[in-house]
N, C-alpha and C. Protein backbone atom coordinates (compact mmCIF):
# COMPACT_ATOMS: atom_id res chain seq x y z
N UNK A 1 0.75 -1.38 0.30
CA UNK A 1 -0.19 0.01 0.35
C UNK A 1 0.55 1.44 0.20
N UNK A 2 1.93 1.26 0.53
CA UNK A 2 2.72 2.42 0.60
C UNK A 2 3.91 2.64 -0.51
N UNK A 3 3.74 1.66 -1.34
CA UNK A 3 4.73 1.49 -2.32
C UNK A 3 3.60 2.43 -3.28
N UNK A 4 2.20 2.03 -3.70
CA UNK A 4 1.18 2.34 -4.23
C UNK A 4 1.77 4.07 -4.17
N UNK A 5 1.46 4.41 -2.50
CA UNK A 5 1.37 5.59 -2.99
C UNK A 5 2.58 6.35 -2.87
N UNK A 6 3.45 5.62 -2.93
CA UNK A 6 4.96 6.61 -3.63
C UNK A 6 4.81 6.87 -4.84
N UNK A 7 4.85 5.66 -5.14
CA UNK A 7 4.41 5.88 -7.38
C UNK A 7 3.57 6.63 -7.36
N UNK A 8 2.56 6.75 -6.94
CA UNK A 8 1.80 7.72 -7.02
C UNK A 8 1.85 9.28 -6.61
N UNK A 9 2.84 9.39 -6.00
CA UNK A 9 3.39 11.05 -5.48
C UNK A 9 4.64 11.26 -6.82
N UNK A 10 4.98 10.26 -6.80
CA UNK A 10 6.10 10.28 -7.94
C UNK A 10 6.04 10.53 -9.57
N UNK A 11 4.71 9.84 -9.56
CA UNK A 11 3.91 10.55 -11.14
C UNK A 11 3.76 11.83 -10.92
N UNK A 12 3.15 11.87 -10.24
CA UNK A 12 1.77 13.12 -10.02
C UNK A 12 2.93 14.53 -9.91
N UNK A 13 4.34 13.94 -9.20
CA UNK A 13 5.28 15.07 -9.32
C UNK A 13 6.27 15.44 -10.58
N UNK A 14 6.40 14.07 -11.14
CA UNK A 14 6.66 14.21 -12.79
C UNK A 14 5.81 14.61 -13.53
N UNK A 15 4.73 14.65 -13.92
CA UNK A 15 3.65 15.27 -14.43
C UNK A 15 3.55 16.50 -14.43
N UNK A 16 3.52 16.78 -13.10
CA UNK A 16 3.50 18.20 -12.54
C UNK A 16 4.85 19.03 -13.37
N UNK A 17 5.72 18.44 -12.78
CA UNK A 17 7.07 19.11 -13.82
C UNK A 17 6.93 19.47 -14.94
N UNK A 18 6.25 18.18 -15.98
CA UNK A 18 6.24 18.17 -17.46
C UNK A 18 5.59 19.40 -17.70
N UNK A 19 4.43 19.30 -17.28
CA UNK A 19 3.65 20.91 -16.98
C UNK A 19 4.07 22.14 -16.90
N UNK A 20 5.02 22.42 -15.99
CA UNK A 20 5.19 23.23 -16.05
C UNK A 20 6.40 23.56 -16.87
N UNK A 21 7.07 23.13 -17.13
CA UNK A 21 8.25 22.74 -18.15
C UNK A 21 7.60 23.39 -19.75
N UNK A 22 6.53 22.58 -19.70
CA UNK A 22 5.91 22.89 -20.95
C UNK A 22 5.64 24.46 -21.11
N UNK A 23 4.53 24.28 -20.19
CA UNK A 23 3.87 25.67 -19.72
C UNK A 23 4.38 27.33 -20.02
N UNK A 24 5.59 26.93 -19.45
CA UNK A 24 7.08 28.27 -19.20
C UNK A 24 7.79 28.25 -20.74
N UNK A 25 7.71 27.04 -21.22
CA UNK A 25 8.60 26.89 -23.25
C UNK A 25 7.31 28.29 -23.77
N UNK A 26 6.34 27.75 -24.00
CA UNK A 26 5.36 28.25 -24.62
C UNK A 26 4.87 29.59 -23.99
N UNK A 27 4.72 30.12 -22.97
CA UNK A 27 4.82 31.09 -22.20
C UNK A 27 5.74 32.50 -22.48
N UNK A 28 6.87 32.14 -23.53
CA UNK A 28 8.28 32.96 -23.38
C UNK A 28 7.60 33.74 -24.69
N UNK A 29 8.45 34.51 -24.47
CA UNK A 29 7.45 35.89 -25.69
C UNK A 29 9.29 35.58 -26.76
N UNK A 30 8.66 35.68 -28.18
CA UNK A 30 8.85 35.34 -29.52
C UNK A 30 9.47 36.48 -30.18
N UNK A 31 10.36 36.48 -30.69
CA UNK A 31 10.35 37.06 -31.98
C UNK A 31 10.70 36.38 -33.40
N UNK A 32 10.15 36.00 -34.29
CA UNK A 32 10.15 35.30 -35.44
C UNK A 32 10.72 36.28 -36.68
N UNK A 33 11.93 35.79 -37.08
CA UNK A 33 12.52 36.23 -38.00
C UNK A 33 12.85 35.46 -38.88
N UNK A 34 11.98 36.49 -40.30
CA UNK A 34 11.79 35.31 -41.67
C UNK A 34 12.95 36.39 -42.83
N UNK A 35 13.66 35.29 -43.37
CA UNK A 35 14.87 36.13 -44.16
C UNK A 35 13.74 35.68 -45.71
N UNK A 36 14.19 37.17 -46.43
CA UNK A 36 12.75 37.29 -47.52
C UNK A 36 13.78 37.71 -48.78
N UNK A 37 15.21 37.41 -48.55
CA UNK A 37 16.07 37.80 -49.25
C UNK A 37 16.18 36.57 -50.09
N UNK A 38 17.17 36.69 -51.34
CA UNK A 38 18.01 35.47 -51.67
C UNK A 38 19.24 35.53 -51.77
N UNK A 39 19.70 35.89 -50.33
CA UNK A 39 21.28 35.69 -49.73
C UNK A 39 21.27 35.13 -48.37
N UNK A 40 22.02 34.56 -47.94
CA UNK A 40 21.89 34.13 -46.59
C UNK A 40 22.19 35.18 -45.19
N UNK A 41 21.48 35.46 -44.78
CA UNK A 41 21.51 36.12 -43.52
C UNK A 41 22.21 35.65 -42.18
N UNK A 42 23.53 36.27 -41.49
CA UNK A 42 23.50 35.93 -40.40
C UNK A 42 22.66 36.88 -39.46
N UNK A 43 22.29 35.98 -38.60
CA UNK A 43 21.24 36.54 -37.13
C UNK A 43 22.76 37.00 -35.51
N UNK A 44 22.59 38.06 -35.34
CA UNK A 44 23.09 38.01 -34.21
C UNK A 44 22.08 38.68 -32.89
N UNK A 45 22.41 37.92 -31.83
CA UNK A 45 21.67 38.13 -30.95
C UNK A 45 22.20 38.39 -29.43
N UNK A 46 22.01 39.41 -28.41
CA UNK A 46 22.43 39.93 -27.73
C UNK A 46 21.62 39.94 -26.78
N UNK A 47 21.21 39.29 -24.97
CA UNK A 47 20.34 39.87 -24.20
C UNK A 47 21.19 40.54 -22.85
N UNK A 48 20.93 41.60 -22.96
CA UNK A 48 21.74 42.74 -21.86
C UNK A 48 20.53 43.43 -21.26
N UNK A 49 21.79 44.19 -20.36
CA UNK A 49 20.53 44.97 -19.35
C UNK A 49 20.76 46.09 -20.03
N UNK A 50 19.98 46.79 -19.64
CA UNK A 50 19.38 48.28 -20.25
C UNK A 50 20.74 49.19 -19.53
N UNK A 51 21.26 49.70 -20.31
CA UNK A 51 22.30 51.28 -19.78
C UNK A 51 22.60 51.75 -20.79
N UNK A 52 23.29 52.55 -20.51
CA UNK A 52 24.51 53.69 -21.67
C UNK A 52 25.62 52.84 -21.89
N UNK A 53 25.74 52.43 -20.59
CA UNK A 53 27.19 51.38 -21.01
C UNK A 53 27.96 50.66 -22.00
N UNK A 54 28.72 50.36 -22.17
CA UNK A 54 29.04 49.32 -23.11
C UNK A 54 28.76 47.63 -23.10
N UNK A 55 28.66 47.28 -23.67
CA UNK A 55 28.32 45.27 -23.04
C UNK A 55 29.21 44.80 -22.25
N UNK A 56 28.97 44.11 -21.37
CA UNK A 56 30.12 43.36 -20.76
C UNK A 56 30.90 42.51 -21.56
N UNK A 57 31.80 41.92 -21.36
CA UNK A 57 32.26 40.65 -22.22
C UNK A 57 31.38 39.17 -21.95
N UNK A 58 30.97 39.15 -21.27
CA UNK A 58 30.00 38.13 -21.25
C UNK A 58 28.81 38.37 -22.39
N UNK A 59 28.15 39.35 -21.98
CA UNK A 59 27.35 39.76 -23.52
C UNK A 59 28.25 39.93 -25.05
N UNK A 60 28.93 40.11 -24.67
CA UNK A 60 29.69 40.25 -25.94
C UNK A 60 29.74 38.86 -26.52
N UNK A 61 30.23 38.34 -25.81
CA UNK A 61 30.70 36.33 -26.16
C UNK A 61 29.14 35.86 -26.76
N UNK A 62 27.89 35.99 -26.38
CA UNK A 62 26.66 36.03 -27.24
C UNK A 62 26.89 35.76 -28.26
N UNK A 63 27.19 37.35 -29.08
CA UNK A 63 27.47 37.40 -30.51
C UNK A 63 28.60 36.66 -31.37
N UNK A 64 28.69 35.27 -30.57
CA UNK A 64 30.01 34.58 -31.20
C UNK A 64 28.85 33.53 -31.64
N UNK A 65 27.71 33.33 -31.47
CA UNK A 65 26.60 32.29 -31.71
C UNK A 65 25.61 32.60 -32.65
N UNK A 66 26.38 32.72 -33.43
CA UNK A 66 25.65 33.54 -34.85
C UNK A 66 24.84 32.35 -35.38
N UNK A 67 23.91 32.79 -35.85
CA UNK A 67 22.60 31.41 -36.43
C UNK A 67 22.11 32.43 -37.78
N UNK A 68 22.54 31.37 -38.79
CA UNK A 68 22.28 31.18 -40.50
C UNK A 68 20.82 31.24 -40.76
N UNK A 69 20.50 32.13 -41.31
CA UNK A 69 19.51 32.06 -42.20
C UNK A 69 19.35 32.14 -43.55
N UNK A 70 18.77 30.55 -44.03
CA UNK A 70 19.36 30.43 -45.59
C UNK A 70 17.56 31.19 -46.33
N UNK A 71 18.07 31.54 -47.39
CA UNK A 71 16.78 32.22 -48.49
C UNK A 71 15.20 31.62 -47.87
N UNK A 72 14.32 32.56 -47.74
CA UNK A 72 13.11 32.14 -47.20
C UNK A 72 12.55 31.24 -46.03
N UNK A 73 14.09 31.40 -45.27
CA UNK A 73 13.49 30.61 -44.13
C UNK A 73 13.34 31.36 -43.02
N UNK A 74 12.97 30.64 -42.12
CA UNK A 74 12.44 31.65 -40.97
C UNK A 74 13.31 31.26 -39.22
N UNK A 75 13.48 31.83 -38.55
CA UNK A 75 13.81 31.48 -36.95
C UNK A 75 12.91 31.62 -35.69
N UNK A 76 13.46 31.54 -34.92
CA UNK A 76 12.41 31.75 -33.45
C UNK A 76 12.97 32.39 -32.04
N UNK A 77 13.35 33.44 -32.23
CA UNK A 77 14.17 33.70 -31.13
C UNK A 77 13.35 34.21 -29.61
N UNK A 78 13.64 33.78 -28.78
CA UNK A 78 13.26 33.77 -27.07
C UNK A 78 13.87 34.18 -26.19
N UNK A 79 13.70 34.79 -25.22
CA UNK A 79 14.92 35.29 -24.14
C UNK A 79 14.70 34.57 -23.48
N UNK A 80 16.19 33.81 -22.55
CA UNK A 80 16.25 32.91 -21.98
C UNK A 80 15.63 32.78 -20.50
N UNK A 81 15.52 32.01 -19.92
CA UNK A 81 14.52 32.45 -18.63
C UNK A 81 15.12 33.16 -17.56
N UNK A 82 16.56 33.13 -17.67
CA UNK A 82 17.76 34.13 -16.79
C UNK A 82 17.21 35.99 -16.78
N UNK A 83 16.65 35.56 -18.25
CA UNK A 83 16.60 37.13 -18.58
C UNK A 83 15.06 37.84 -18.11
N UNK A 84 14.26 36.56 -18.43
CA UNK A 84 13.14 36.94 -18.22
C UNK A 84 13.18 37.31 -16.22
N UNK A 85 13.52 36.59 -15.51
CA UNK A 85 13.61 36.69 -14.28
C UNK A 85 13.88 38.32 -13.99
N UNK A 86 15.02 38.89 -14.80
CA UNK A 86 15.56 40.10 -14.45
C UNK A 86 14.69 41.14 -14.78
N UNK A 87 14.86 42.42 -13.93
CA UNK A 87 14.27 43.74 -14.37
C UNK A 87 14.72 44.83 -15.45
N UNK A 88 14.56 45.48 -16.02
CA UNK A 88 15.55 46.07 -16.84
C UNK A 88 16.80 45.19 -18.17
N UNK A 89 15.76 44.09 -18.70
CA UNK A 89 16.90 43.72 -19.38
C UNK A 89 16.09 43.92 -21.44
N UNK A 90 16.90 43.92 -22.15
CA UNK A 90 16.27 43.84 -23.74
C UNK A 90 17.74 43.00 -24.20
N UNK A 91 16.80 42.83 -25.55
CA UNK A 91 17.14 41.56 -26.34
C UNK A 91 17.74 42.64 -27.88
N UNK A 92 18.76 42.63 -28.35
CA UNK A 92 19.42 43.25 -29.04
C UNK A 92 19.47 42.21 -30.16
N UNK A 93 18.67 42.48 -31.97
CA UNK A 93 19.21 41.50 -32.53
C UNK A 93 19.57 42.48 -33.57
N UNK A 94 20.82 41.62 -34.23
CA UNK A 94 21.26 42.33 -35.13
C UNK A 94 21.46 41.57 -36.60
N UNK A 95 21.62 42.17 -37.86
CA UNK A 95 21.55 40.72 -39.17
C UNK A 95 22.40 41.18 -40.13
N UNK A 96 23.14 40.83 -40.86
CA UNK A 96 24.48 41.21 -42.00
C UNK A 96 23.63 40.16 -43.63
N UNK A 97 23.49 40.79 -44.42
CA UNK A 97 23.64 39.16 -45.49
C UNK A 97 24.66 39.11 -46.14
N UNK A 98 24.62 38.12 -46.61
CA UNK A 98 25.78 37.92 -47.27
C UNK A 98 26.10 36.96 -48.85
N UNK A 99 26.50 38.45 -49.64
CA UNK A 99 25.66 38.44 -50.60
C UNK A 99 27.20 37.94 -51.51
N UNK A 100 26.95 37.26 -52.57
CA UNK A 100 28.41 36.94 -53.63
C UNK A 100 29.42 38.46 -53.07
N UNK A 101 28.70 39.44 -53.84
CA UNK A 101 29.85 40.83 -53.68
C UNK A 101 29.49 40.74 -52.53
N UNK A 102 31.03 40.77 -51.85
CA UNK A 102 30.93 41.52 -50.59
C UNK A 102 30.61 42.65 -50.21
N UNK A 103 30.80 43.59 -51.05
CA UNK A 103 30.23 44.99 -51.50
C UNK A 103 29.07 45.56 -51.15
N UNK A 104 28.25 44.47 -51.45
CA UNK A 104 26.92 44.69 -51.12
C UNK A 104 26.32 44.03 -50.16
N UNK A 105 27.19 43.99 -48.89
CA UNK A 105 26.60 43.25 -47.81
C UNK A 105 25.65 44.73 -47.30
N UNK A 106 24.49 44.27 -46.66
CA UNK A 106 23.61 44.71 -45.74
C UNK A 106 23.23 44.69 -44.26
N UNK A 107 23.31 45.89 -43.36
CA UNK A 107 22.99 45.48 -41.79
C UNK A 107 21.98 46.09 -41.53
N UNK A 108 21.41 45.65 -40.65
CA UNK A 108 20.48 46.05 -39.72
C UNK A 108 20.69 45.55 -38.09
N UNK A 109 19.08 46.13 -38.14
CA UNK A 109 19.33 46.19 -35.79
C UNK A 109 17.86 46.42 -35.54
N UNK A 110 17.76 45.68 -34.64
CA UNK A 110 16.40 45.57 -34.07
C UNK A 110 16.43 45.77 -32.70
N UNK A 111 16.12 46.78 -31.66
CA UNK A 111 16.19 46.15 -30.14
C UNK A 111 14.77 46.16 -29.35
N UNK A 112 14.86 45.57 -28.41
CA UNK A 112 13.28 45.19 -28.06
C UNK A 112 13.71 44.89 -26.00
N UNK A 113 12.47 46.06 -25.43
CA UNK A 113 13.09 46.04 -24.38
C UNK A 113 12.04 44.76 -23.90
N UNK A 114 12.60 43.94 -22.83
CA UNK A 114 11.84 43.02 -21.98
C UNK A 114 10.91 43.50 -20.85
N UNK A 115 9.55 43.81 -20.48
CA UNK A 115 8.77 44.27 -19.72
C UNK A 115 7.48 44.06 -19.48
N UNK A 116 7.26 43.36 -18.29
CA UNK A 116 6.27 43.14 -17.72
C UNK A 116 4.65 43.29 -18.08
N UNK A 117 4.66 44.55 -18.22
CA UNK A 117 3.41 45.26 -18.92
C UNK A 117 3.29 45.64 -19.87
N UNK A 118 3.78 46.29 -20.72
CA UNK A 118 3.83 47.20 -21.91
C UNK A 118 4.39 45.94 -22.95
N UNK A 119 3.56 46.31 -24.12
CA UNK A 119 4.65 45.32 -25.30
C UNK A 119 3.50 44.13 -25.76
N UNK A 120 4.57 43.70 -26.46
CA UNK A 120 3.55 42.54 -27.16
C UNK A 120 4.22 40.95 -26.73
N UNK A 121 3.46 39.67 -27.00
CA UNK A 121 3.83 38.69 -26.67
C UNK A 121 4.90 37.87 -27.95
N UNK A 122 4.28 38.42 -29.11
CA UNK A 122 5.44 38.01 -30.25
C UNK A 122 5.33 39.11 -31.14
N UNK A 123 6.43 39.11 -31.63
CA UNK A 123 6.70 39.80 -33.11
C UNK A 123 6.84 39.16 -34.42
N UNK A 124 6.81 39.27 -35.47
CA UNK A 124 7.50 38.27 -36.65
C UNK A 124 8.01 40.24 -37.70
N UNK A 125 9.67 39.81 -37.86
CA UNK A 125 10.57 40.78 -38.45
C UNK A 125 10.81 40.12 -39.34
N UNK A 126 10.73 40.78 -40.79
CA UNK A 126 10.88 40.40 -41.98
C UNK A 126 11.88 40.72 -42.49
N UNK A 127 13.18 40.08 -43.22
CA UNK A 127 14.25 40.95 -43.65
C UNK A 127 14.39 40.96 -44.74
N UNK A 128 14.17 41.86 -45.56
CA UNK A 128 13.65 41.85 -46.97
C UNK A 128 15.46 42.52 -48.00
N UNK A 129 15.31 42.67 -49.26
CA UNK A 129 16.52 43.13 -49.83
C UNK A 129 16.95 44.57 -49.45
N UNK A 130 16.28 45.67 -48.65
CA UNK A 130 16.63 46.46 -48.74
C UNK A 130 15.93 47.35 -47.38
N UNK A 131 15.33 46.52 -47.03
CA UNK A 131 14.85 47.31 -45.26
C UNK A 131 14.14 45.97 -44.76
N UNK A 132 13.59 46.19 -43.74
CA UNK A 132 12.74 44.96 -43.27
C UNK A 132 11.22 45.74 -42.44
N UNK A 133 10.53 44.62 -42.20
CA UNK A 133 8.95 45.27 -41.46
C UNK A 133 8.56 44.41 -40.00
N UNK A 134 8.50 45.20 -39.43
CA UNK A 134 8.27 44.15 -37.83
C UNK A 134 6.39 44.68 -38.12
N UNK A 135 6.27 43.29 -37.28
CA UNK A 135 4.69 43.62 -37.19
C UNK A 135 4.60 42.66 -36.25
N UNK A 136 3.06 43.22 -35.34
CA UNK A 136 2.91 42.05 -34.18
C UNK A 136 2.11 41.27 -34.51
N UNK A 137 2.41 40.06 -34.15
CA UNK A 137 1.61 38.65 -33.98
C UNK A 137 0.67 38.60 -33.44
N UNK A 138 -0.09 38.29 -33.51
CA UNK A 138 -1.67 37.88 -32.27
C UNK A 138 -1.04 36.48 -31.80
N UNK A 139 -1.21 36.70 -30.31
CA UNK A 139 -0.48 35.26 -29.47
C UNK A 139 -1.06 35.62 -27.93
N UNK A 140 -0.96 34.78 -27.17
CA UNK A 140 -1.89 34.63 -26.15
C UNK A 140 -1.34 35.47 -25.06
N UNK A 141 -1.20 34.85 -24.03
CA UNK A 141 -0.80 35.26 -22.85
C UNK A 141 1.07 34.87 -22.86
N UNK A 142 1.63 35.90 -22.27
CA UNK A 142 3.20 35.45 -22.09
C UNK A 142 3.94 35.68 -20.67
N UNK A 143 4.80 35.39 -19.92
CA UNK A 143 5.60 35.84 -18.99
C UNK A 143 5.41 37.02 -19.24
N UNK A 144 6.32 37.73 -19.47
CA UNK A 144 6.97 39.18 -19.92
C UNK A 144 6.29 39.53 -21.72
N UNK A 145 6.73 40.91 -21.77
CA UNK A 145 6.39 41.14 -23.11
C UNK A 145 7.52 41.76 -23.84
N UNK A 146 7.42 42.24 -24.75
CA UNK A 146 8.63 42.79 -26.13
C UNK A 146 7.67 43.79 -26.02
N UNK A 147 9.01 45.18 -26.01
CA UNK A 147 8.69 46.40 -26.58
C UNK A 147 9.75 46.75 -27.73
N UNK A 148 9.03 46.94 -28.58
CA UNK A 148 10.46 47.31 -29.80
C UNK A 148 10.96 48.56 -29.54
N UNK A 149 12.29 48.99 -29.34
CA UNK A 149 13.21 50.32 -29.28
C UNK A 149 13.11 51.36 -30.58
N UNK A 150 12.58 52.21 -30.98
CA UNK A 150 12.52 52.93 -31.73
C UNK A 150 13.85 53.98 -32.04
N UNK A 151 14.13 53.85 -33.05
CA UNK A 151 15.62 54.90 -33.21
C UNK A 151 15.10 55.70 -34.32
N UNK A 152 16.13 56.71 -34.63
CA UNK A 152 15.76 57.23 -36.38
C UNK A 152 15.99 56.57 -37.61
N UNK A 153 16.84 55.36 -37.55
CA UNK A 153 16.83 54.96 -38.29
C UNK A 153 15.48 53.78 -38.94
N UNK A 154 14.49 53.69 -38.28
CA UNK A 154 13.13 53.05 -38.47
C UNK A 154 12.28 53.89 -39.32
């Protein structure tokens, strides 16, 4: 009888953990990046503390993890759980096209505040030959929201 109760507790605990992990993965805010060019695009992502200072060595090391995006492909980027737990964080996304002629390389960037209240749960960033478009994707609920940071070049 005791072994049956122990098995039920273990099974219940495992199921609860699986549900929590699944829900927390689904509740993370996301940015979907689509390559709408005929060239390979290199995508750089950095999660950092919002400040006027230069990024730390650890933050710059994140840029070494380049994501290659082939023509017409898309990837989904979500902040890490440690970033979601902190206040005053942002996610910086940069990209560079890789055309056959190196002189025609195009670069771009977009920053997002990670906030608890303002913003949206999901965005779609489409990289085209001469520009990019950012659209709010309809999403359910999320742990924290993404708020695009506007700059003069937008």
